[in-house]
Amino acid sequence: GRRPARCYRYQKNKPYPKSRYCRGVPDPKIRIFDLGRKKAGVDEFPCCIHLLSLEKEQLSSEALEAGRIACNKYLATNAGKDNFHIRVRCHTFHVLRIN
């Protein structure tokens, strides 16, 4: 199986993007970056919440997708389907080389 995520948590080397030299990389698992009521204006919601990390760390696309699904499910059940807007602002450019 795969190694746990703690083995690949910290960013030790230079960024390793997908390029013409680094081929054969699978596509990231996260596809949807906007959820909820996307066309709502800025003033329609009473608060704005940002979730950010204070460390320089690596997140896999599977972890981003799992967090997106969990956040969407929680807000859809507690706040209602049209009472929130989620935007995932980090994109997976760095290729994780899992040995």
PDB file of N, CA and C in Angstrom:
ATOM      1  N   GLY A   1       0.810  -1.186   0.000  1.00  0.00           N
ATOM      2  CA  GLY A   1       0.000   0.000   0.000  1.00  0.00           C
ATOM      3  C   GLY A   1       0.859   1.258   0.000  1.00  0.00           C
ATOM      4  N   ARG A   2       0.177   2.367   0.193  1.00  0.00           N
ATOM      5  CA  ARG A   2       0.875   3.649   0.217  1.00  0.00           C
ATOM      6  C   ARG A   2       1.427   3.937   1.599  1.00  0.00           C
ATOM      7  N   ARG A   3       2.444   4.769   1.644  1.00  0.00           N
ATOM      8  CA  ARG A   3       2.977   5.225   2.922  1.00  0.00           C
ATOM      9  C   ARG A   3       2.043   6.270   3.508  1.00  0.00           C
ATOM     10  N   PRO A   4       2.070   6.448   4.823  1.00  0.00           N
ATOM     11  CA  PRO A   4       1.204   7.468   5.413  1.00  0.00           C
ATOM     12  C   PRO A   4       1.638   8.876   5.012  1.00  0.00           C
ATOM     13  N   ALA A   5       0.714   9.828   5.170  1.00  0.00           N
ATOM     14  CA  ALA A   5       0.960  11.191   4.710  1.00  0.00           C
ATOM     15  C   ALA A   5       2.057  11.876   5.515  1.00  0.00           C
ATOM     16  N   ARG A   6       2.346  11.408   6.730  1.00  0.00           N
ATOM     17  CA  ARG A   6       3.385  12.055   7.541  1.00  0.00           C
ATOM     18  C   ARG A   6       4.769  11.905   6.918  1.00  0.00           C
ATOM     19  N   CYS A   7       4.930  10.937   6.017  1.00  0.00           N
ATOM     20  CA  CYS A   7       6.217  10.758   5.340  1.00  0.00           C
ATOM     21  C   CYS A   7       6.464  11.850   4.296  1.00  0.00           C
ATOM     22  N   TYR A   8       5.413  12.479   3.809  1.00  0.00           N
ATOM     23  CA  TYR A   8       5.538  13.468   2.735  1.00  0.00           C
ATOM     24  C   TYR A   8       5.005  14.824   3.161  1.00  0.00           C
ATOM     25  N   ARG A   9       4.974  15.104   4.471  1.00  0.00           N
ATOM     26  CA  ARG A   9       4.348  16.323   4.964  1.00  0.00           C
ATOM     27  C   ARG A   9       5.180  17.567   4.681  1.00  0.00           C
ATOM     28  N   TYR A  10       6.466  17.500   4.927  1.00  0.00           N
ATOM     29  CA  TYR A  10       7.297  18.698   4.831  1.00  0.00           C
ATOM     30  C   TYR A  10       7.924  18.808   3.449  1.00  0.00           C
ATOM     31  N   GLN A  11       8.044  20.037   2.986  1.00  0.00           N
ATOM     32  CA  GLN A  11       8.613  20.301   1.667  1.00  0.00           C
ATOM     33  C   GLN A  11      10.118  20.487   1.833  1.00  0.00           C
ATOM     34  N   LYS A  12      10.880  19.505   1.366  1.00  0.00           N
ATOM     35  CA  LYS A  12      12.320  19.520   1.579  1.00  0.00           C
ATOM     36  C   LYS A  12      13.090  20.026   0.367  1.00  0.00           C
ATOM     37  N   ASN A  13      12.579  19.749  -0.815  1.00  0.00           N
ATOM     38  CA  ASN A  13      13.328  20.063  -2.035  1.00  0.00           C
ATOM     39  C   ASN A  13      12.635  21.178  -2.815  1.00  0.00           C
ATOM     40  N   LYS A  14      13.180  21.463  -3.988  1.00  0.00           N
ATOM     41  CA  LYS A  14      12.593  22.458  -4.875  1.00  0.00           C
ATOM     42  C   LYS A  14      11.234  21.967  -5.381  1.00  0.00           C
ATOM     43  N   PRO A  15      10.380  22.879  -5.870  1.00  0.00           N
ATOM     44  CA  PRO A  15       9.119  22.446  -6.474  1.00  0.00           C
ATOM     45  C   PRO A  15       9.364  21.562  -7.694  1.00  0.00           C
ATOM     46  N   TYR A  16       8.528  20.571  -7.858  1.00  0.00           N
ATOM     47  CA  TYR A  16       8.663  19.588  -8.927  1.00  0.00           C
ATOM     48  C   TYR A  16       7.365  19.610  -9.741  1.00  0.00           C
ATOM     49  N   PRO A  17       7.210  20.581 -10.656  1.00  0.00           N
ATOM     50  CA  PRO A  17       5.944  20.692 -11.389  1.00  0.00           C
ATOM     51  C   PRO A  17       5.885  19.716 -12.560  1.00  0.00           C
ATOM     52  N   LYS A  18       4.667  19.523 -13.046  1.00  0.00           N
ATOM     53  CA  LYS A  18       4.461  18.714 -14.244  1.00  0.00           C
ATOM     54  C   LYS A  18       4.925  19.529 -15.448  1.00  0.00           C
ATOM     55  N   SER A  19       5.809  18.987 -16.244  1.00  0.00           N
ATOM     56  CA  SER A  19       6.345  19.723 -17.381  1.00  0.00           C
ATOM     57  C   SER A  19       6.661  18.736 -18.501  1.00  0.00           C
ATOM     58  N   ARG A  20       7.331  19.230 -19.507  1.00  0.00           N
ATOM     59  CA  ARG A  20       7.680  18.322 -20.605  1.00  0.00           C
ATOM     60  C   ARG A  20       8.789  17.362 -20.194  1.00  0.00           C
ATOM     61  N   TYR A  21       9.511  17.693 -19.129  1.00  0.00           N
ATOM     62  CA  TYR A  21      10.555  16.796 -18.631  1.00  0.00           C
ATOM     63  C   TYR A  21       9.989  15.765 -17.650  1.00  0.00           C
ATOM     64  N   CYS A  22       8.931  16.115 -16.966  1.00  0.00           N
ATOM     65  CA  CYS A  22       8.299  15.234 -15.973  1.00  0.00           C
ATOM     66  C   CYS A  22       6.950  14.788 -16.534  1.00  0.00           C
ATOM     67  N   ARG A  23       6.966  13.720 -17.308  1.00  0.00           N
ATOM     68  CA  ARG A  23       5.752  13.243 -17.959  1.00  0.00           C
ATOM     69  C   ARG A  23       5.180  12.052 -17.205  1.00  0.00           C
ATOM     70  N   GLY A  24       3.999  11.637 -17.595  1.00  0.00           N
ATOM     71  CA  GLY A  24       3.377  10.464 -17.003  1.00  0.00           C
ATOM     72  C   GLY A  24       2.839  10.696 -15.609  1.00  0.00           C
ATOM     73  N   VAL A  25       2.458  11.932 -15.306  1.00  0.00           N
ATOM     74  CA  VAL A  25       1.939  12.258 -13.983  1.00  0.00           C
ATOM     75  C   VAL A  25       0.426  12.152 -14.030  1.00  0.00           C
ATOM     76  N   PRO A  26      -0.209  11.437 -13.079  1.00  0.00           N
ATOM     77  CA  PRO A  26      -1.675  11.374 -13.098  1.00  0.00           C
ATOM     78  C   PRO A  26      -2.294  12.719 -12.747  1.00  0.00           C
ATOM     79  N   ASP A  27      -3.517  12.916 -13.216  1.00  0.00           N
ATOM     80  CA  ASP A  27      -4.227  14.165 -12.951  1.00  0.00           C
ATOM     81  C   ASP A  27      -4.606  14.250 -11.474  1.00  0.00           C
ATOM     82  N   PRO A  28      -4.721  15.461 -10.936  1.00  0.00           N
ATOM     83  CA  PRO A  28      -5.110  15.591  -9.527  1.00  0.00           C
ATOM     84  C   PRO A  28      -6.541  15.115  -9.293  1.00  0.00           C
ATOM     85  N   LYS A  29      -6.797  14.635  -8.094  1.00  0.00           N
ATOM     86  CA  LYS A  29      -8.111  14.085  -7.768  1.00  0.00           C
ATOM     87  C   LYS A  29      -9.167  15.179  -7.587  1.00  0.00           C
ATOM     88  N   ILE A  30      -8.743  16.359  -7.152  1.00  0.00           N
ATOM     89  CA  ILE A  30      -9.714  17.426  -6.928  1.00  0.00           C
ATOM     90  C   ILE A  30     -10.059  18.082  -8.262  1.00  0.00           C
ATOM     91  N   ARG A  31     -11.350  18.174  -8.550  1.00  0.00           N
ATOM     92  CA  ARG A  31     -11.816  18.720  -9.819  1.00  0.00           C
ATOM     93  C   ARG A  31     -12.648  19.979  -9.623  1.00  0.00           C
ATOM     94  N   ILE A  32     -13.436  20.014  -8.543  1.00  0.00           N
ATOM     95  CA  ILE A  32     -14.366  21.124  -8.313  1.00  0.00           C
ATOM     96  C   ILE A  32     -13.742  22.038  -7.267  1.00  0.00           C
ATOM     97  N   PHE A  33     -13.574  23.306  -7.595  1.00  0.00           N
ATOM     98  CA  PHE A  33     -12.941  24.254  -6.682  1.00  0.00           C
ATOM     99  C   PHE A  33     -13.943  25.249  -6.093  1.00  0.00           C
ATOM    100  N   ASP A  34     -15.152  25.371  -6.661  1.00  0.00           N
ATOM    101  CA  ASP A  34     -16.195  26.254  -6.142  1.00  0.00           C
ATOM    102  C   ASP A  34     -17.424  25.431  -5.802  1.00  0.00           C
ATOM    103  N   LEU A  35     -17.986  25.678  -4.606  1.00  0.00           N
ATOM    104  CA  LEU A  35     -19.164  24.935  -4.151  1.00  0.00           C
ATOM    105  C   LEU A  35     -20.169  25.908  -3.551  1.00  0.00           C
ATOM    106  N   GLY A  36     -21.405  25.451  -3.401  1.00  0.00           N
ATOM    107  CA  GLY A  36     -22.438  26.273  -2.785  1.00  0.00           C
ATOM    108  C   GLY A  36     -23.052  27.231  -3.788  1.00  0.00           C
ATOM    109  N   ARG A  37     -23.472  28.383  -3.297  1.00  0.00           N
ATOM    110  CA  ARG A  37     -24.075  29.396  -4.163  1.00  0.00           C
ATOM    111  C   ARG A  37     -22.966  30.264  -4.724  1.00  0.00           C
ATOM    112  N   LYS A  38     -22.551  29.948  -5.946  1.00  0.00           N
ATOM    113  CA  LYS A  38     -21.367  30.578  -6.538  1.00  0.00           C
ATOM    114  C   LYS A  38     -21.630  31.987  -7.044  1.00  0.00           C
ATOM    115  N   LYS A  39     -22.845  32.270  -7.433  1.00  0.00           N
ATOM    116  CA  LYS A  39     -23.138  33.571  -8.039  1.00  0.00           C
ATOM    117  C   LYS A  39     -23.541  34.623  -7.016  1.00  0.00           C
ATOM    118  N   ALA A  40     -23.457  34.293  -5.741  1.00  0.00           N
ATOM    119  CA  ALA A  40     -23.851  35.254  -4.705  1.00  0.00           C
ATOM    120  C   ALA A  40     -22.809  36.358  -4.593  1.00  0.00           C
ATOM    121  N   GLY A  41     -23.269  37.534  -4.245  1.00  0.00           N
ATOM    122  CA  GLY A  41     -22.369  38.669  -4.067  1.00  0.00           C
ATOM    123  C   GLY A  41     -21.623  38.592  -2.746  1.00  0.00           C
ATOM    124  N   VAL A  42     -20.703  39.500  -2.566  1.00  0.00           N
ATOM    125  CA  VAL A  42     -19.874  39.504  -1.360  1.00  0.00           C
ATOM    126  C   VAL A  42     -20.695  39.885  -0.131  1.00  0.00           C
ATOM    127  N   ASP A  43     -21.668  40.788  -0.294  1.00  0.00           N
ATOM    128  CA  ASP A  43     -22.422  41.311   0.842  1.00  0.00           C
ATOM    129  C   ASP A  43     -23.587  40.426   1.279  1.00  0.00           C
ATOM    130  N   GLU A  44     -23.836  39.333   0.578  1.00  0.00           N
ATOM    131  CA  GLU A  44     -25.006  38.515   0.905  1.00  0.00           C
ATOM    132  C   GLU A  44     -24.780  37.577   2.082  1.00  0.00           C
ATOM    133  N   PHE A  45     -23.537  37.280   2.412  1.00  0.00           N
ATOM    134  CA  PHE A  45     -23.250  36.377   3.530  1.00  0.00           C
ATOM    135  C   PHE A  45     -22.759  37.195   4.720  1.00  0.00           C
ATOM    136  N   PRO A  46     -23.144  36.815   5.943  1.00  0.00           N
ATOM    137  CA  PRO A  46     -22.771  37.633   7.107  1.00  0.00           C
ATOM    138  C   PRO A  46     -21.307  37.523   7.518  1.00  0.00           C
ATOM    139  N   CYS A  47     -20.634  36.435   7.200  1.00  0.00           N
ATOM    140  CA  CYS A  47     -19.238  36.312   7.635  1.00  0.00           C
ATOM    141  C   CYS A  47     -18.406  35.629   6.558  1.00  0.00           C
ATOM    142  N   CYS A  48     -17.103  35.766   6.706  1.00  0.00           N
ATOM    143  CA  CYS A  48     -16.137  35.158   5.789  1.00  0.00           C
ATOM    144  C   CYS A  48     -15.097  34.435   6.632  1.00  0.00           C
ATOM    145  N   ILE A  49     -14.846  33.184   6.331  1.00  0.00           N
ATOM    146  CA  ILE A  49     -13.915  32.370   7.115  1.00  0.00           C
ATOM    147  C   ILE A  49     -12.825  31.866   6.187  1.00  0.00           C
ATOM    148  N   HIS A  50     -11.564  32.023   6.615  1.00  0.00           N
ATOM    149  CA  HIS A  50     -10.424  31.503   5.870  1.00  0.00           C
ATOM    150  C   HIS A  50      -9.756  30.420   6.701  1.00  0.00           C
ATOM    151  N   LEU A  51      -9.457  29.309   6.069  1.00  0.00           N
ATOM    152  CA  LEU A  51      -8.719  28.223   6.713  1.00  0.00           C
ATOM    153  C   LEU A  51      -7.348  28.183   6.056  1.00  0.00           C
ATOM    154  N   LEU A  52      -6.306  28.443   6.831  1.00  0.00           N
ATOM    155  CA  LEU A  52      -4.967  28.456   6.256  1.00  0.00           C
ATOM    156  C   LEU A  52      -3.981  27.788   7.201  1.00  0.00           C
ATOM    157  N   SER A  53      -2.895  27.381   6.636  1.00  0.00           N
ATOM    158  CA  SER A  53      -1.851  26.711   7.393  1.00  0.00           C
ATOM    159  C   SER A  53      -0.691  27.669   7.584  1.00  0.00           C
ATOM    160  N   LEU A  54      -0.127  27.671   8.767  1.00  0.00           N
ATOM    161  CA  LEU A  54       0.998  28.553   9.069  1.00  0.00           C
ATOM    162  C   LEU A  54       2.341  27.877   8.800  1.00  0.00           C
ATOM    163  N   GLU A  55       2.318  26.630   8.362  1.00  0.00           N
ATOM    164  CA  GLU A  55       3.537  25.898   8.045  1.00  0.00           C
ATOM    165  C   GLU A  55       3.692  25.789   6.537  1.00  0.00           C
ATOM    166  N   LYS A  56       4.929  25.594   6.111  1.00  0.00           N
ATOM    167  CA  LYS A  56       5.184  25.285   4.707  1.00  0.00           C
ATOM    168  C   LYS A  56       5.150  23.764   4.588  1.00  0.00           C
ATOM    169  N   GLU A  57       4.053  23.242   4.071  1.00  0.00           N
ATOM    170  CA  GLU A  57       3.872  21.801   4.032  1.00  0.00           C
ATOM    171  C   GLU A  57       3.279  21.386   2.696  1.00  0.00           C
ATOM    172  N   GLN A  58       3.303  20.107   2.451  1.00  0.00           N
ATOM    173  CA  GLN A  58       2.755  19.538   1.224  1.00  0.00           C
ATOM    174  C   GLN A  58       1.434  18.857   1.541  1.00  0.00           C
ATOM    175  N   LEU A  59       0.435  19.126   0.726  1.00  0.00           N
ATOM    176  CA  LEU A  59      -0.855  18.449   0.832  1.00  0.00           C
ATOM    177  C   LEU A  59      -1.100  17.705  -0.469  1.00  0.00           C
ATOM    178  N   SER A  60      -1.544  16.471  -0.361  1.00  0.00           N
ATOM    179  CA  SER A  60      -1.842  15.719  -1.572  1.00  0.00           C
ATOM    180  C   SER A  60      -3.203  16.144  -2.107  1.00  0.00           C
ATOM    181  N   SER A  61      -3.438  15.851  -3.374  1.00  0.00           N
ATOM    182  CA  SER A  61      -4.725  16.208  -3.968  1.00  0.00           C
ATOM    183  C   SER A  61      -5.846  15.384  -3.354  1.00  0.00           C
ATOM    184  N   GLU A  62      -5.528  14.178  -2.868  1.00  0.00           N
ATOM    185  CA  GLU A  62      -6.526  13.357  -2.189  1.00  0.00           C
ATOM    186  C   GLU A  62      -6.968  14.008  -0.882  1.00  0.00           C
ATOM    187  N   ALA A  63      -6.022  14.622  -0.152  1.00  0.00           N
ATOM    188  CA  ALA A  63      -6.360  15.298   1.100  1.00  0.00           C
ATOM    189  C   ALA A  63      -7.205  16.538   0.833  1.00  0.00           C
ATOM    190  N   LEU A  64      -6.891  17.285  -0.227  1.00  0.00           N
ATOM    191  CA  LEU A  64      -7.710  18.451  -0.585  1.00  0.00           C
ATOM    192  C   LEU A  64      -9.128  18.042  -0.964  1.00  0.00           C
ATOM    193  N   GLU A  65      -9.250  16.959  -1.705  1.00  0.00           N
ATOM    194  CA  GLU A  65     -10.567  16.479  -2.113  1.00  0.00           C
ATOM    195  C   GLU A  65     -11.369  16.000  -0.908  1.00  0.00           C
ATOM    196  N   ALA A  66     -10.728  15.299   0.021  1.00  0.00           N
ATOM    197  CA  ALA A  66     -11.425  14.829   1.218  1.00  0.00           C
ATOM    198  C   ALA A  66     -11.878  16.001   2.082  1.00  0.00           C
ATOM    199  N   GLY A  67     -11.049  17.023   2.220  1.00  0.00           N
ATOM    200  CA  GLY A  67     -11.431  18.202   2.983  1.00  0.00           C
ATOM    201  C   GLY A  67     -12.571  18.964   2.337  1.00  0.00           C
ATOM    202  N   ARG A  68     -12.550  19.047   1.012  1.00  0.00           N
ATOM    203  CA  ARG A  68     -13.629  19.724   0.287  1.00  0.00           C
ATOM    204  C   ARG A  68     -14.956  19.001   0.484  1.00  0.00           C
ATOM    205  N   ILE A  69     -14.943  17.676   0.396  1.00  0.00           N
ATOM    206  CA  ILE A  69     -16.167  16.891   0.549  1.00  0.00           C
ATOM    207  C   ILE A  69     -16.709  17.011   1.968  1.00  0.00           C
ATOM    208  N   ALA A  70     -15.826  16.935   2.966  1.00  0.00           N
ATOM    209  CA  ALA A  70     -16.267  17.023   4.356  1.00  0.00           C
ATOM    210  C   ALA A  70     -16.849  18.398   4.675  1.00  0.00           C
ATOM    211  N   CYS A  71     -16.208  19.447   4.193  1.00  0.00           N
ATOM    212  CA  CYS A  71     -16.681  20.813   4.429  1.00  0.00           C
ATOM    213  C   CYS A  71     -18.015  21.055   3.736  1.00  0.00           C
ATOM    214  N   ASN A  72     -18.154  20.570   2.526  1.00  0.00           N
ATOM    215  CA  ASN A  72     -19.401  20.741   1.780  1.00  0.00           C
ATOM    216  C   ASN A  72     -20.544  20.004   2.465  1.00  0.00           C
ATOM    217  N   LYS A  73     -20.306  18.785   2.923  1.00  0.00           N
ATOM    218  CA  LYS A  73     -21.353  18.010   3.569  1.00  0.00           C
ATOM    219  C   LYS A  73     -21.794  18.653   4.881  1.00  0.00           C
ATOM    220  N   TYR A  74     -20.827  19.140   5.659  1.00  0.00           N
ATOM    221  CA  TYR A  74     -21.150  19.763   6.942  1.00  0.00           C
ATOM    222  C   TYR A  74     -21.957  21.048   6.744  1.00  0.00           C
ATOM    223  N   LEU A  75     -21.524  21.897   5.826  1.00  0.00           N
ATOM    224  CA  LEU A  75     -22.227  23.158   5.612  1.00  0.00           C
ATOM    225  C   LEU A  75     -23.581  22.958   4.946  1.00  0.00           C
ATOM    226  N   ALA A  76     -23.720  21.964   4.080  1.00  0.00           N
ATOM    227  CA  ALA A  76     -25.002  21.714   3.424  1.00  0.00           C
ATOM    228  C   ALA A  76     -26.036  21.208   4.422  1.00  0.00           C
ATOM    229  N   THR A  77     -25.620  20.414   5.405  1.00  0.00           N
ATOM    230  CA  THR A  77     -26.585  19.915   6.380  1.00  0.00           C
ATOM    231  C   THR A  77     -26.904  20.959   7.449  1.00  0.00           C
ATOM    232  N   ASN A  78     -25.936  21.757   7.873  1.00  0.00           N
ATOM    233  CA  ASN A  78     -26.166  22.689   8.974  1.00  0.00           C
ATOM    234  C   ASN A  78     -26.626  24.070   8.515  1.00  0.00           C
ATOM    235  N   ALA A  79     -26.133  24.563   7.401  1.00  0.00           N
ATOM    236  CA  ALA A  79     -26.475  25.919   6.966  1.00  0.00           C
ATOM    237  C   ALA A  79     -27.508  25.935   5.848  1.00  0.00           C
ATOM    238  N   GLY A  80     -27.686  24.829   5.177  1.00  0.00           N
ATOM    239  CA  GLY A  80     -28.586  24.813   4.017  1.00  0.00           C
ATOM    240  C   GLY A  80     -27.775  24.853   2.733  1.00  0.00           C
ATOM    241  N   LYS A  81     -28.432  24.443   1.666  1.00  0.00           N
ATOM    242  CA  LYS A  81     -27.704  24.270   0.407  1.00  0.00           C
ATOM    243  C   LYS A  81     -27.261  25.585  -0.230  1.00  0.00           C
ATOM    244  N   ASP A  82     -28.067  26.631  -0.063  1.00  0.00           N
ATOM    245  CA  ASP A  82     -27.784  27.890  -0.743  1.00  0.00           C
ATOM    246  C   ASP A  82     -27.326  28.998   0.186  1.00  0.00           C
ATOM    247  N   ASN A  83     -26.846  28.656   1.355  1.00  0.00           N
ATOM    248  CA  ASN A  83     -26.465  29.681   2.324  1.00  0.00           C
ATOM    249  C   ASN A  83     -24.958  29.781   2.541  1.00  0.00           C
ATOM    250  N   PHE A  84     -24.174  29.254   1.619  1.00  0.00           N
ATOM    251  CA  PHE A  84     -22.721  29.334   1.770  1.00  0.00           C
ATOM    252  C   PHE A  84     -22.063  29.293   0.403  1.00  0.00           C
ATOM    253  N   HIS A  85     -20.796  29.670   0.382  1.00  0.00           N
ATOM    254  CA  HIS A  85     -19.965  29.565  -0.819  1.00  0.00           C
ATOM    255  C   HIS A  85     -18.570  29.144  -0.383  1.00  0.00           C
ATOM    256  N   ILE A  86     -18.085  28.049  -0.933  1.00  0.00           N
ATOM    257  CA  ILE A  86     -16.746  27.533  -0.619  1.00  0.00           C
ATOM    258  C   ILE A  86     -15.888  27.674  -1.861  1.00  0.00           C
ATOM    259  N   ARG A  87     -14.671  28.165  -1.675  1.00  0.00           N
ATOM    260  CA  ARG A  87     -13.715  28.202  -2.773  1.00  0.00           C
ATOM    261  C   ARG A  87     -12.398  27.611  -2.274  1.00  0.00           C
ATOM    262  N   VAL A  88     -11.929  26.561  -2.953  1.00  0.00           N
ATOM    263  CA  VAL A  88     -10.620  25.981  -2.654  1.00  0.00           C
ATOM    264  C   VAL A  88      -9.613  26.753  -3.480  1.00  0.00           C
ATOM    265  N   ARG A  89      -8.718  27.469  -2.822  1.00  0.00           N
ATOM    266  CA  ARG A  89      -7.830  28.386  -3.533  1.00  0.00           C
ATOM    267  C   ARG A  89      -6.447  27.810  -3.818  1.00  0.00           C
ATOM    268  N   CYS A  90      -6.119  26.667  -3.257  1.00  0.00           N
ATOM    269  CA  CYS A  90      -4.803  26.093  -3.562  1.00  0.00           C
ATOM    270  C   CYS A  90      -4.967  25.060  -4.676  1.00  0.00           C
ATOM    271  N   HIS A  91      -4.053  25.090  -5.618  1.00  0.00           N
ATOM    272  CA  HIS A  91      -4.070  24.170  -6.744  1.00  0.00           C
ATOM    273  C   HIS A  91      -2.860  23.242  -6.633  1.00  0.00           C
ATOM    274  N   THR A  92      -3.021  22.038  -7.148  1.00  0.00           N
ATOM    275  CA  THR A  92      -1.967  21.041  -7.021  1.00  0.00           C
ATOM    276  C   THR A  92      -1.041  21.117  -8.231  1.00  0.00           C
ATOM    277  N   PHE A  93       0.054  21.843  -8.074  1.00  0.00           N
ATOM    278  CA  PHE A  93       1.043  21.953  -9.142  1.00  0.00           C
ATOM    279  C   PHE A  93       2.262  21.084  -8.848  1.00  0.00           C
ATOM    280  N   HIS A  94       2.601  20.950  -7.576  1.00  0.00           N
ATOM    281  CA  HIS A  94       3.793  20.208  -7.177  1.00  0.00           C
ATOM    282  C   HIS A  94       3.494  18.718  -7.240  1.00  0.00           C
ATOM    283  N   VAL A  95       4.310  17.943  -7.928  1.00  0.00           N
ATOM    284  CA  VAL A  95       4.121  16.518  -8.067  1.00  0.00           C
ATOM    285  C   VAL A  95       4.765  15.827  -6.878  1.00  0.00           C
ATOM    286  N   LEU A  96       3.992  15.047  -6.136  1.00  0.00           N
ATOM    287  CA  LEU A  96       4.530  14.278  -5.020  1.00  0.00           C
ATOM    288  C   LEU A  96       5.074  12.963  -5.561  1.00  0.00           C
ATOM    289  N   ARG A  97       6.336  12.740  -5.324  1.00  0.00           N
ATOM    290  CA  ARG A  97       6.952  11.491  -5.778  1.00  0.00           C
ATOM    291  C   ARG A  97       6.876  10.498  -4.626  1.00  0.00           C
ATOM    292  N   ILE A  98       5.865   9.644  -4.660  1.00  0.00           N
ATOM    293  CA  ILE A  98       5.646   8.680  -3.581  1.00  0.00           C
ATOM    294  C   ILE A  98       6.384   7.394  -3.929  1.00  0.00           C
ATOM    295  N   ASN A  99       7.326   7.032  -3.080  1.00  0.00           N
ATOM    296  CA  ASN A  99       8.123   5.831  -3.329  1.00  0.00           C
ATOM    297  C   ASN A  99       7.481   4.618  -2.696  1.00  0.00           C
TER     298      ASN A  99
END
